[in-house]
Amino acid sequence: MSKAHRGKGLRELASRGRGTCPICKRDGVKVLYELEIEGVKYKVCKTCKAAVGHGKKSIAS
């Protein structure tokens, strides 16, 4: 079965969804996941979303 449409939604985003994660400060990673902390929405990378969810990282770090 063809997988021609994988990532189709990413092509519509600016820079293909890539940018700098505000938590880990890495650039060139996909920042697709929204976190709402104290009423402010942040777009973070996949690893930081999981780490914040498990209590290992916070937005202040």
PDB file of N, CA and C in Angstrom:
ATOM      1  N   MET A   1       0.835  -1.184   0.000  1.00  0.00           N
ATOM      2  CA  MET A   1       0.000   0.000   0.000  1.00  0.00           C
ATOM      3  C   MET A   1       0.880   1.249   0.000  1.00  0.00           C
ATOM      4  N   SER A   2       0.490   2.236  -0.751  1.00  0.00           N
ATOM      5  CA  SER A   2       1.282   3.444  -0.925  1.00  0.00           C
ATOM      6  C   SER A   2       1.254   4.325   0.326  1.00  0.00           C
ATOM      7  N   LYS A   3       2.352   4.988   0.549  1.00  0.00           N
ATOM      8  CA  LYS A   3       2.454   5.907   1.683  1.00  0.00           C
ATOM      9  C   LYS A   3       2.767   7.311   1.175  1.00  0.00           C
ATOM     10  N   ALA A   4       2.127   7.706   0.090  1.00  0.00           N
ATOM     11  CA  ALA A   4       2.426   8.974  -0.571  1.00  0.00           C
ATOM     12  C   ALA A   4       1.943  10.180   0.216  1.00  0.00           C
ATOM     13  N   HIS A   5       1.013  10.007   1.135  1.00  0.00           N
ATOM     14  CA  HIS A   5       0.428  11.159   1.823  1.00  0.00           C
ATOM     15  C   HIS A   5       0.968  11.359   3.237  1.00  0.00           C
ATOM     16  N   ARG A   6       2.023  10.660   3.583  1.00  0.00           N
ATOM     17  CA  ARG A   6       2.615  10.857   4.904  1.00  0.00           C
ATOM     18  C   ARG A   6       3.220  12.242   4.999  1.00  0.00           C
ATOM     19  N   GLY A   7       2.914  12.952   6.064  1.00  0.00           N
ATOM     20  CA  GLY A   7       3.481  14.280   6.261  1.00  0.00           C
ATOM     21  C   GLY A   7       2.851  15.352   5.405  1.00  0.00           C
ATOM     22  N   LYS A   8       1.696  15.082   4.808  1.00  0.00           N
ATOM     23  CA  LYS A   8       1.065  16.072   3.944  1.00  0.00           C
ATOM     24  C   LYS A   8       0.701  17.335   4.719  1.00  0.00           C
ATOM     25  N   GLY A   9       0.267  17.174   5.954  1.00  0.00           N
ATOM     26  CA  GLY A   9      -0.077  18.330   6.777  1.00  0.00           C
ATOM     27  C   GLY A   9       1.122  19.181   7.137  1.00  0.00           C
ATOM     28  N   LEU A  10       2.306  18.584   7.181  1.00  0.00           N
ATOM     29  CA  LEU A  10       3.515  19.338   7.499  1.00  0.00           C
ATOM     30  C   LEU A  10       3.938  20.252   6.368  1.00  0.00           C
ATOM     31  N   ARG A  11       3.619  19.862   5.148  1.00  0.00           N
ATOM     32  CA  ARG A  11       4.023  20.669   3.999  1.00  0.00           C
ATOM     33  C   ARG A  11       3.329  22.013   3.978  1.00  0.00           C
ATOM     34  N   GLU A  12       2.182  22.103   4.607  1.00  0.00           N
ATOM     35  CA  GLU A  12       1.427  23.354   4.629  1.00  0.00           C
ATOM     36  C   GLU A  12       1.942  24.322   5.688  1.00  0.00           C
ATOM     37  N   LEU A  13       2.669  23.838   6.687  1.00  0.00           N
ATOM     38  CA  LEU A  13       3.174  24.690   7.757  1.00  0.00           C
ATOM     39  C   LEU A  13       4.411  25.449   7.309  1.00  0.00           C
ATOM     40  N   ALA A  14       4.653  26.567   7.959  1.00  0.00           N
ATOM     41  CA  ALA A  14       5.857  27.342   7.664  1.00  0.00           C
ATOM     42  C   ALA A  14       7.085  26.535   8.073  1.00  0.00           C
ATOM     43  N   SER A  15       8.069  26.501   7.251  1.00  0.00           N
ATOM     44  CA  SER A  15       9.322  25.761   7.470  1.00  0.00           C
ATOM     45  C   SER A  15       9.075  24.287   7.723  1.00  0.00           C
ATOM     46  N   ARG A  16       7.972  23.774   7.168  1.00  0.00           N
ATOM     47  CA  ARG A  16       7.613  22.359   7.316  1.00  0.00           C
ATOM     48  C   ARG A  16       7.463  21.941   8.779  1.00  0.00           C
ATOM     49  N   GLY A  17       7.074  22.888   9.642  1.00  0.00           N
ATOM     50  CA  GLY A  17       6.852  22.585  11.052  1.00  0.00           C
ATOM     51  C   GLY A  17       8.107  22.600  11.893  1.00  0.00           C
ATOM     52  N   ARG A  18       9.208  23.041  11.328  1.00  0.00           N
ATOM     53  CA  ARG A  18      10.469  23.028  12.063  1.00  0.00           C
ATOM     54  C   ARG A  18      10.774  24.403  12.643  1.00  0.00           C
ATOM     55  N   GLY A  19      11.454  24.380  13.782  1.00  0.00           N
ATOM     56  CA  GLY A  19      11.819  25.618  14.438  1.00  0.00           C
ATOM     57  C   GLY A  19      12.673  25.327  15.657  1.00  0.00           C
ATOM     58  N   THR A  20      12.674  26.240  16.612  1.00  0.00           N
ATOM     59  CA  THR A  20      13.449  26.100  17.838  1.00  0.00           C
ATOM     60  C   THR A  20      12.517  25.788  18.991  1.00  0.00           C
ATOM     61  N   CYS A  21      12.818  24.744  19.721  1.00  0.00           N
ATOM     62  CA  CYS A  21      12.022  24.361  20.882  1.00  0.00           C
ATOM     63  C   CYS A  21      12.346  25.314  22.034  1.00  0.00           C
ATOM     64  N   PRO A  22      11.332  25.904  22.684  1.00  0.00           N
ATOM     65  CA  PRO A  22      11.601  26.851  23.760  1.00  0.00           C
ATOM     66  C   PRO A  22      12.124  26.198  25.038  1.00  0.00           C
ATOM     67  N   ILE A  23      11.993  24.895  25.175  1.00  0.00           N
ATOM     68  CA  ILE A  23      12.437  24.224  26.399  1.00  0.00           C
ATOM     69  C   ILE A  23      13.886  23.765  26.277  1.00  0.00           C
ATOM     70  N   CYS A  24      14.187  22.979  25.243  1.00  0.00           N
ATOM     71  CA  CYS A  24      15.537  22.417  25.112  1.00  0.00           C
ATOM     72  C   CYS A  24      16.447  23.276  24.237  1.00  0.00           C
ATOM     73  N   LYS A  25      15.900  24.299  23.593  1.00  0.00           N
ATOM     74  CA  LYS A  25      16.641  25.262  22.769  1.00  0.00           C
ATOM     75  C   LYS A  25      17.298  24.639  21.544  1.00  0.00           C
ATOM     76  N   ARG A  26      16.882  23.432  21.131  1.00  0.00           N
ATOM     77  CA  ARG A  26      17.395  22.842  19.901  1.00  0.00           C
ATOM     78  C   ARG A  26      16.684  23.491  18.726  1.00  0.00           C
ATOM     79  N   ASP A  27      17.415  23.699  17.641  1.00  0.00           N
ATOM     80  CA  ASP A  27      16.774  24.268  16.465  1.00  0.00           C
ATOM     81  C   ASP A  27      16.782  23.249  15.332  1.00  0.00           C
ATOM     82  N   GLY A  28      15.871  23.422  14.409  1.00  0.00           N
ATOM     83  CA  GLY A  28      15.741  22.502  13.300  1.00  0.00           C
ATOM     84  C   GLY A  28      14.935  21.262  13.629  1.00  0.00           C
ATOM     85  N   VAL A  29      14.276  21.237  14.781  1.00  0.00           N
ATOM     86  CA  VAL A  29      13.442  20.096  15.152  1.00  0.00           C
ATOM     87  C   VAL A  29      11.985  20.436  14.868  1.00  0.00           C
ATOM     88  N   LYS A  30      11.150  19.425  14.736  1.00  0.00           N
ATOM     89  CA  LYS A  30       9.733  19.646  14.500  1.00  0.00           C
ATOM     90  C   LYS A  30       9.088  20.091  15.808  1.00  0.00           C
ATOM     91  N   VAL A  31       8.518  21.278  15.805  1.00  0.00           N
ATOM     92  CA  VAL A  31       7.819  21.806  16.977  1.00  0.00           C
ATOM     93  C   VAL A  31       6.326  21.775  16.660  1.00  0.00           C
ATOM     94  N   LEU A  32       5.716  20.633  16.904  1.00  0.00           N
ATOM     95  CA  LEU A  32       4.342  20.400  16.506  1.00  0.00           C
ATOM     96  C   LEU A  32       3.384  20.274  17.675  1.00  0.00           C
ATOM     97  N   TYR A  33       3.886  20.105  18.869  1.00  0.00           N
ATOM     98  CA  TYR A  33       3.048  19.778  20.013  1.00  0.00           C
ATOM     99  C   TYR A  33       2.803  21.010  20.869  1.00  0.00           C
ATOM    100  N   GLU A  34       1.542  21.279  21.164  1.00  0.00           N
ATOM    101  CA  GLU A  34       1.191  22.454  21.953  1.00  0.00           C
ATOM    102  C   GLU A  34       1.113  22.099  23.429  1.00  0.00           C
ATOM    103  N   LEU A  35       1.718  22.939  24.246  1.00  0.00           N
ATOM    104  CA  LEU A  35       1.613  22.842  25.692  1.00  0.00           C
ATOM    105  C   LEU A  35       1.060  24.159  26.201  1.00  0.00           C
ATOM    106  N   GLU A  36       0.141  24.084  27.138  1.00  0.00           N
ATOM    107  CA  GLU A  36      -0.375  25.302  27.746  1.00  0.00           C
ATOM    108  C   GLU A  36       0.093  25.345  29.188  1.00  0.00           C
ATOM    109  N   ILE A  37       0.923  26.327  29.489  1.00  0.00           N
ATOM    110  CA  ILE A  37       1.481  26.482  30.825  1.00  0.00           C
ATOM    111  C   ILE A  37       1.165  27.884  31.296  1.00  0.00           C
ATOM    112  N   GLU A  38       0.401  27.981  32.380  1.00  0.00           N
ATOM    113  CA  GLU A  38      -0.019  29.250  32.979  1.00  0.00           C
ATOM    114  C   GLU A  38      -0.723  30.135  31.958  1.00  0.00           C
ATOM    115  N   GLY A  39      -1.543  29.541  31.120  1.00  0.00           N
ATOM    116  CA  GLY A  39      -2.329  30.293  30.156  1.00  0.00           C
ATOM    117  C   GLY A  39      -1.606  30.679  28.881  1.00  0.00           C
ATOM    118  N   VAL A  40      -0.343  30.335  28.770  1.00  0.00           N
ATOM    119  CA  VAL A  40       0.442  30.649  27.578  1.00  0.00           C
ATOM    120  C   VAL A  40       0.668  29.359  26.797  1.00  0.00           C
ATOM    121  N   LYS A  41       0.399  29.390  25.489  1.00  0.00           N
ATOM    122  CA  LYS A  41       0.585  28.213  24.655  1.00  0.00           C
ATOM    123  C   LYS A  41       1.975  28.224  24.039  1.00  0.00           C
ATOM    124  N   TYR A  42       2.664  27.096  24.162  1.00  0.00           N
ATOM    125  CA  TYR A  42       3.991  26.924  23.587  1.00  0.00           C
ATOM    126  C   TYR A  42       3.936  25.778  22.604  1.00  0.00           C
ATOM    127  N   LYS A  43       4.710  25.862  21.528  1.00  0.00           N
ATOM    128  CA  LYS A  43       4.891  24.752  20.602  1.00  0.00           C
ATOM    129  C   LYS A  43       6.251  24.156  20.914  1.00  0.00           C
ATOM    130  N   VAL A  44       6.251  22.867  21.274  1.00  0.00           N
ATOM    131  CA  VAL A  44       7.475  22.207  21.696  1.00  0.00           C
ATOM    132  C   VAL A  44       7.714  20.959  20.861  1.00  0.00           C
ATOM    133  N   CYS A  45       8.905  20.383  20.985  1.00  0.00           N
ATOM    134  CA  CYS A  45       9.246  19.162  20.269  1.00  0.00           C
ATOM    135  C   CYS A  45       8.661  17.954  20.998  1.00  0.00           C
ATOM    136  N   LYS A  46       8.738  16.816  20.360  1.00  0.00           N
ATOM    137  CA  LYS A  46       8.128  15.589  20.869  1.00  0.00           C
ATOM    138  C   LYS A  46       8.764  15.132  22.183  1.00  0.00           C
ATOM    139  N   THR A  47      10.091  15.198  22.279  1.00  0.00           N
ATOM    140  CA  THR A  47      10.756  14.722  23.488  1.00  0.00           C
ATOM    141  C   THR A  47      10.463  15.620  24.684  1.00  0.00           C
ATOM    142  N   CYS A  48      10.381  16.924  24.458  1.00  0.00           N
ATOM    143  CA  CYS A  48      10.084  17.842  25.556  1.00  0.00           C
ATOM    144  C   CYS A  48       8.629  17.712  26.009  1.00  0.00           C
ATOM    145  N   LYS A  49       7.720  17.435  25.089  1.00  0.00           N
ATOM    146  CA  LYS A  49       6.326  17.225  25.461  1.00  0.00           C
ATOM    147  C   LYS A  49       6.207  16.027  26.380  1.00  0.00           C
ATOM    148  N   ALA A  50       6.910  14.955  26.055  1.00  0.00           N
ATOM    149  CA  ALA A  50       6.883  13.759  26.894  1.00  0.00           C
ATOM    150  C   ALA A  50       7.542  14.020  28.245  1.00  0.00           C
ATOM    151  N   ALA A  51       8.659  14.756  28.244  1.00  0.00           N
ATOM    152  CA  ALA A  51       9.371  15.031  29.486  1.00  0.00           C
ATOM    153  C   ALA A  51       8.554  15.920  30.413  1.00  0.00           C
ATOM    154  N   VAL A  52       7.865  16.907  29.860  1.00  0.00           N
ATOM    155  CA  VAL A  52       7.016  17.777  30.681  1.00  0.00           C
ATOM    156  C   VAL A  52       5.833  16.974  31.216  1.00  0.00           C
ATOM    157  N   GLY A  53       5.284  16.097  30.396  1.00  0.00           N
ATOM    158  CA  GLY A  53       4.174  15.259  30.823  1.00  0.00           C
ATOM    159  C   GLY A  53       4.535  14.316  31.950  1.00  0.00           C
ATOM    160  N   HIS A  54       5.782  13.851  31.968  1.00  0.00           N
ATOM    161  CA  HIS A  54       6.236  12.945  33.023  1.00  0.00           C
ATOM    162  C   HIS A  54       6.848  13.696  34.210  1.00  0.00           C
ATOM    163  N   GLY A  55       6.916  15.026  34.133  1.00  0.00           N
ATOM    164  CA  GLY A  55       7.432  15.827  35.232  1.00  0.00           C
ATOM    165  C   GLY A  55       8.949  15.924  35.268  1.00  0.00           C
ATOM    166  N   LYS A  56       9.620  15.579  34.195  1.00  0.00           N
ATOM    167  CA  LYS A  56      11.082  15.608  34.178  1.00  0.00           C
ATOM    168  C   LYS A  56      11.640  16.971  33.803  1.00  0.00           C
ATOM    169  N   LYS A  57      10.865  17.757  33.017  1.00  0.00           N
ATOM    170  CA  LYS A  57      11.294  19.093  32.615  1.00  0.00           C
ATOM    171  C   LYS A  57      10.171  20.072  32.879  1.00  0.00           C
ATOM    172  N   SER A  58      10.541  21.344  32.948  1.00  0.00           N
ATOM    173  CA  SER A  58       9.545  22.402  33.044  1.00  0.00           C
ATOM    174  C   SER A  58       9.930  23.499  32.068  1.00  0.00           C
ATOM    175  N   ILE A  59       9.018  24.389  31.807  1.00  0.00           N
ATOM    176  CA  ILE A  59       9.259  25.457  30.847  1.00  0.00           C
ATOM    177  C   ILE A  59      10.312  26.442  31.373  1.00  0.00           C
ATOM    178  N   ALA A  60      10.496  26.508  32.695  1.00  0.00           N
ATOM    179  CA  ALA A  60      11.460  27.439  33.276  1.00  0.00           C
ATOM    180  C   ALA A  60      12.892  26.939  33.110  1.00  0.00           C
ATOM    181  N   SER A  61      13.087  25.632  32.885  1.00  0.00           N
ATOM    182  CA  SER A  61      14.445  25.092  32.792  1.00  0.00           C
ATOM    183  C   SER A  61      15.096  25.395  31.469  1.00  0.00           C
TER     184      SER A  61
END
